[in-house]
Amino acid sequence: MDHSRGFTLLELIVVVAIVAILAAIATQSYARYTIRSHRTDAHQMLMAVAQAQERWYATYNRYAEDLGKLGFADPAVSSRGYYHVVLSVADDAAQGFVATAMPIDRQASDVCGALSIDNAGRKLPSGTDVAANANGRCW
């Protein structure tokens, strides 16, 4: 009797199919993870702007109207370049502000969209989209 050793074509096809399915799942998970991890770039930039605004308010009793007064470019680009930040004040007396980080390039596909922080410390995705930040998912 001749018993040859090796794999049949069917066994090889099954193994290749299983590996392909696992690779597809892993690639999607990795892409979601990288987008989520790049979100920290916006968090850091927004917190730096908010801290600078509070220092400005302590000195001038009003918030700065533009990022240039705080030492940032206007619009400011985050340290890793995934977001650009713009600043708006609430009224003519500048007693409130909203800093918004808008995703650019590959980060634009993030489900949280633009992230913002205001003078009260409220951290929201897309300015007013509270539902998108359910359970602090975006922040």
C-alpha atoms as a PDB file:
ATOM      1  CA  MET A   1       0.000   0.000   0.000  1.00  0.00           C
ATOM      2  CA  ASP A   2       1.222   3.394  -0.944  1.00  0.00           C
ATOM      3  CA  HIS A   3       0.252   6.026   1.615  1.00  0.00           C
ATOM      4  CA  SER A   4       1.549   9.317   0.407  1.00  0.00           C
ATOM      5  CA  ARG A   5       2.005  12.043   2.949  1.00  0.00           C
ATOM      6  CA  GLY A   6       0.769  15.592   2.457  1.00  0.00           C
ATOM      7  CA  PHE A   7      -2.365  17.664   2.228  1.00  0.00           C
ATOM      8  CA  THR A   8      -5.211  17.294  -0.171  1.00  0.00           C
ATOM      9  CA  LEU A   9      -6.285  20.240  -2.260  1.00  0.00           C
ATOM     10  CA  LEU A  10      -9.554  20.482  -0.336  1.00  0.00           C
ATOM     11  CA  GLU A  11      -7.750  20.735   3.018  1.00  0.00           C
ATOM     12  CA  LEU A  12      -5.493  23.450   1.638  1.00  0.00           C
ATOM     13  CA  ILE A  13      -8.461  25.470   0.313  1.00  0.00           C
ATOM     14  CA  VAL A  14     -10.237  25.259   3.682  1.00  0.00           C
ATOM     15  CA  VAL A  15      -7.141  26.517   5.518  1.00  0.00           C
ATOM     16  CA  VAL A  16      -6.663  29.394   3.076  1.00  0.00           C
ATOM     17  CA  ALA A  17     -10.349  30.387   3.441  1.00  0.00           C
ATOM     18  CA  ILE A  18     -10.099  30.400   7.246  1.00  0.00           C
ATOM     19  CA  VAL A  19      -6.937  32.510   7.152  1.00  0.00           C
ATOM     20  CA  ALA A  20      -8.585  34.972   4.735  1.00  0.00           C
ATOM     21  CA  ILE A  21     -11.618  35.388   7.009  1.00  0.00           C
ATOM     22  CA  LEU A  22      -9.433  35.967  10.064  1.00  0.00           C
ATOM     23  CA  ALA A  23      -7.299  38.491   8.174  1.00  0.00           C
ATOM     24  CA  ALA A  24     -10.380  40.436   7.074  1.00  0.00           C
ATOM     25  CA  ILE A  25     -11.661  40.634  10.648  1.00  0.00           C
ATOM     26  CA  ALA A  26      -8.258  41.658  11.986  1.00  0.00           C
ATOM     27  CA  THR A  27      -7.816  44.385   9.359  1.00  0.00           C
ATOM     28  CA  GLN A  28     -11.186  45.983  10.167  1.00  0.00           C
ATOM     29  CA  SER A  29     -10.480  45.870  13.900  1.00  0.00           C
ATOM     30  CA  TYR A  30      -7.071  47.427  13.407  1.00  0.00           C
ATOM     31  CA  ALA A  31      -8.490  50.244  11.267  1.00  0.00           C
ATOM     32  CA  ARG A  32     -11.106  51.067  13.927  1.00  0.00           C
ATOM     33  CA  TYR A  33      -8.459  50.983  16.638  1.00  0.00           C
ATOM     34  CA  THR A  34      -6.116  53.357  14.805  1.00  0.00           C
ATOM     35  CA  ILE A  35      -8.891  55.878  14.154  1.00  0.00           C
ATOM     36  CA  ARG A  36      -9.890  55.715  17.814  1.00  0.00           C
ATOM     37  CA  SER A  37      -6.292  56.115  18.963  1.00  0.00           C
ATOM     38  CA  HIS A  38      -5.752  59.108  16.653  1.00  0.00           C
ATOM     39  CA  ARG A  39      -8.657  60.797  18.451  1.00  0.00           C
ATOM     40  CA  THR A  40      -6.294  61.467  21.373  1.00  0.00           C
ATOM     41  CA  ASP A  41      -4.498  63.929  19.098  1.00  0.00           C
ATOM     42  CA  ALA A  42      -7.639  66.104  19.157  1.00  0.00           C
ATOM     43  CA  HIS A  43      -8.114  65.609  22.886  1.00  0.00           C
ATOM     44  CA  GLN A  44      -4.613  66.854  23.652  1.00  0.00           C
ATOM     45  CA  MET A  45      -4.919  69.876  21.368  1.00  0.00           C
ATOM     46  CA  LEU A  46      -8.356  70.871  22.671  1.00  0.00           C
ATOM     47  CA  MET A  47      -7.212  70.582  26.273  1.00  0.00           C
ATOM     48  CA  ALA A  48      -4.167  72.747  25.518  1.00  0.00           C
ATOM     49  CA  VAL A  49      -6.402  75.399  23.911  1.00  0.00           C
ATOM     50  CA  ALA A  50      -8.845  75.289  26.854  1.00  0.00           C
ATOM     51  CA  GLN A  51      -6.002  75.693  29.352  1.00  0.00           C
ATOM     52  CA  ALA A  52      -4.564  78.607  27.384  1.00  0.00           C
ATOM     53  CA  GLN A  53      -8.008  80.197  27.260  1.00  0.00           C
ATOM     54  CA  GLU A  54      -8.379  79.923  31.036  1.00  0.00           C
ATOM     55  CA  ARG A  55      -4.957  81.539  31.541  1.00  0.00           C
ATOM     56  CA  TRP A  56      -6.013  84.350  29.148  1.00  0.00           C
ATOM     57  CA  TYR A  57      -9.301  84.788  31.030  1.00  0.00           C
ATOM     58  CA  ALA A  58      -7.490  84.998  34.377  1.00  0.00           C
ATOM     59  CA  THR A  59      -5.404  87.871  32.998  1.00  0.00           C
ATOM     60  CA  TYR A  60      -7.895  89.821  30.843  1.00  0.00           C
ATOM     61  CA  ASN A  61     -11.303  88.783  32.275  1.00  0.00           C
ATOM     62  CA  ARG A  62     -12.421  87.652  28.803  1.00  0.00           C
ATOM     63  CA  TYR A  63     -11.557  84.811  26.449  1.00  0.00           C
ATOM     64  CA  ALA A  64      -9.275  85.309  23.460  1.00  0.00           C
ATOM     65  CA  GLU A  65     -11.045  85.714  20.125  1.00  0.00           C
ATOM     66  CA  ASP A  66      -8.418  83.894  18.073  1.00  0.00           C
ATOM     67  CA  LEU A  67      -5.805  81.211  18.550  1.00  0.00           C
ATOM     68  CA  GLY A  68      -2.960  83.563  17.611  1.00  0.00           C
ATOM     69  CA  LYS A  69      -3.336  85.421  20.919  1.00  0.00           C
ATOM     70  CA  LEU A  70      -2.907  82.106  22.725  1.00  0.00           C
ATOM     71  CA  GLY A  71       0.293  81.214  20.892  1.00  0.00           C
ATOM     72  CA  PHE A  72      -1.217  78.817  18.350  1.00  0.00           C
ATOM     73  CA  ALA A  73      -1.483  79.118  14.579  1.00  0.00           C
ATOM     74  CA  ASP A  74      -4.969  79.992  13.353  1.00  0.00           C
ATOM     75  CA  PRO A  75      -6.362  77.465  12.441  1.00  0.00           C
ATOM     76  CA  ALA A  76      -4.082  75.301  14.554  1.00  0.00           C
ATOM     77  CA  VAL A  77      -3.090  71.829  13.397  1.00  0.00           C
ATOM     78  CA  SER A  78      -2.784  69.141  16.051  1.00  0.00           C
ATOM     79  CA  SER A  79       0.635  67.725  16.872  1.00  0.00           C
ATOM     80  CA  ARG A  80       0.238  64.631  14.681  1.00  0.00           C
ATOM     81  CA  GLY A  81      -1.742  66.403  11.966  1.00  0.00           C
ATOM     82  CA  TYR A  82      -5.021  64.480  12.223  1.00  0.00           C
ATOM     83  CA  TYR A  83      -7.129  67.495  13.259  1.00  0.00           C
ATOM     84  CA  HIS A  84      -7.224  71.240  12.808  1.00  0.00           C
ATOM     85  CA  VAL A  85      -8.650  73.389  15.569  1.00  0.00           C
ATOM     86  CA  VAL A  86     -10.731  76.551  15.244  1.00  0.00           C
ATOM     87  CA  LEU A  87     -11.903  78.846  17.996  1.00  0.00           C
ATOM     88  CA  SER A  88     -15.084  80.868  18.375  1.00  0.00           C
ATOM     89  CA  VAL A  89     -16.224  83.139  21.203  1.00  0.00           C
ATOM     90  CA  ALA A  90     -19.780  83.213  22.487  1.00  0.00           C
ATOM     91  CA  ASP A  91     -20.531  86.940  22.247  1.00  0.00           C
ATOM     92  CA  ASP A  92     -19.010  90.409  21.966  1.00  0.00           C
ATOM     93  CA  ALA A  93     -17.987  90.350  25.623  1.00  0.00           C
ATOM     94  CA  ALA A  94     -16.096  87.072  25.008  1.00  0.00           C
ATOM     95  CA  GLN A  95     -17.421  85.451  28.153  1.00  0.00           C
ATOM     96  CA  GLY A  96     -17.549  82.017  26.562  1.00  0.00           C
ATOM     97  CA  PHE A  97     -15.713  80.037  23.902  1.00  0.00           C
ATOM     98  CA  VAL A  98     -15.926  76.853  21.893  1.00  0.00           C
ATOM     99  CA  ALA A  99     -12.816  75.198  20.509  1.00  0.00           C
ATOM    100  CA  THR A 100     -13.542  72.653  17.774  1.00  0.00           C
ATOM    101  CA  ALA A 101     -11.164  70.043  16.354  1.00  0.00           C
ATOM    102  CA  MET A 102     -12.156  68.968  12.854  1.00  0.00           C
ATOM    103  CA  PRO A 103     -10.731  65.718  11.453  1.00  0.00           C
ATOM    104  CA  ILE A 104      -8.668  65.853   8.279  1.00  0.00           C
ATOM    105  CA  ASP A 105      -7.319  63.281   5.815  1.00  0.00           C
ATOM    106  CA  ARG A 106      -7.679  59.674   6.972  1.00  0.00           C
ATOM    107  CA  GLN A 107      -9.235  60.704  10.293  1.00  0.00           C
ATOM    108  CA  ALA A 108     -12.256  62.180   8.483  1.00  0.00           C
ATOM    109  CA  SER A 109     -13.920  58.746   8.525  1.00  0.00           C
ATOM    110  CA  ASP A 110     -14.141  58.815  12.339  1.00  0.00           C
ATOM    111  CA  VAL A 111     -17.750  58.344  13.465  1.00  0.00           C
ATOM    112  CA  CYS A 112     -17.333  60.987  16.173  1.00  0.00           C
ATOM    113  CA  GLY A 113     -16.607  63.671  13.595  1.00  0.00           C
ATOM    114  CA  ALA A 114     -15.555  67.036  14.962  1.00  0.00           C
ATOM    115  CA  LEU A 115     -14.815  67.225  18.680  1.00  0.00           C
ATOM    116  CA  SER A 116     -15.292  70.340  20.766  1.00  0.00           C
ATOM    117  CA  ILE A 117     -14.785  71.755  24.235  1.00  0.00           C
ATOM    118  CA  ASP A 118     -16.304  74.899  25.665  1.00  0.00           C
ATOM    119  CA  ASN A 119     -15.596  77.255  28.554  1.00  0.00           C
ATOM    120  CA  ALA A 120     -17.749  75.145  30.911  1.00  0.00           C
ATOM    121  CA  GLY A 121     -15.637  72.065  30.149  1.00  0.00           C
ATOM    122  CA  ARG A 122     -18.340  70.290  28.132  1.00  0.00           C
ATOM    123  CA  LYS A 123     -16.684  67.883  25.731  1.00  0.00           C
ATOM    124  CA  LEU A 124     -18.851  66.987  22.761  1.00  0.00           C
ATOM    125  CA  PRO A 125     -18.476  65.377  19.359  1.00  0.00           C
ATOM    126  CA  SER A 126     -19.792  67.408  16.411  1.00  0.00           C
ATOM    127  CA  GLY A 127     -20.583  70.415  18.594  1.00  0.00           C
ATOM    128  CA  THR A 128     -24.045  69.352  19.816  1.00  0.00           C
ATOM    129  CA  ASP A 129     -24.309  65.626  19.021  1.00  0.00           C
ATOM    130  CA  VAL A 130     -24.789  64.278  22.554  1.00  0.00           C
ATOM    131  CA  ALA A 131     -26.007  60.871  21.332  1.00  0.00           C
ATOM    132  CA  ALA A 132     -22.735  60.246  19.467  1.00  0.00           C
ATOM    133  CA  ASN A 133     -20.885  60.618  22.749  1.00  0.00           C
ATOM    134  CA  ALA A 134     -22.997  58.050  24.608  1.00  0.00           C
ATOM    135  CA  ASN A 135     -21.125  56.798  27.648  1.00  0.00           C
ATOM    136  CA  GLY A 136     -18.139  59.028  26.808  1.00  0.00           C
ATOM    137  CA  ARG A 137     -17.300  57.024  23.701  1.00  0.00           C
ATOM    138  CA  CYS A 138     -15.747  59.910  21.793  1.00  0.00           C
ATOM    139  CA  TRP A 139     -14.096  61.618  24.729  1.00  0.00           C
END
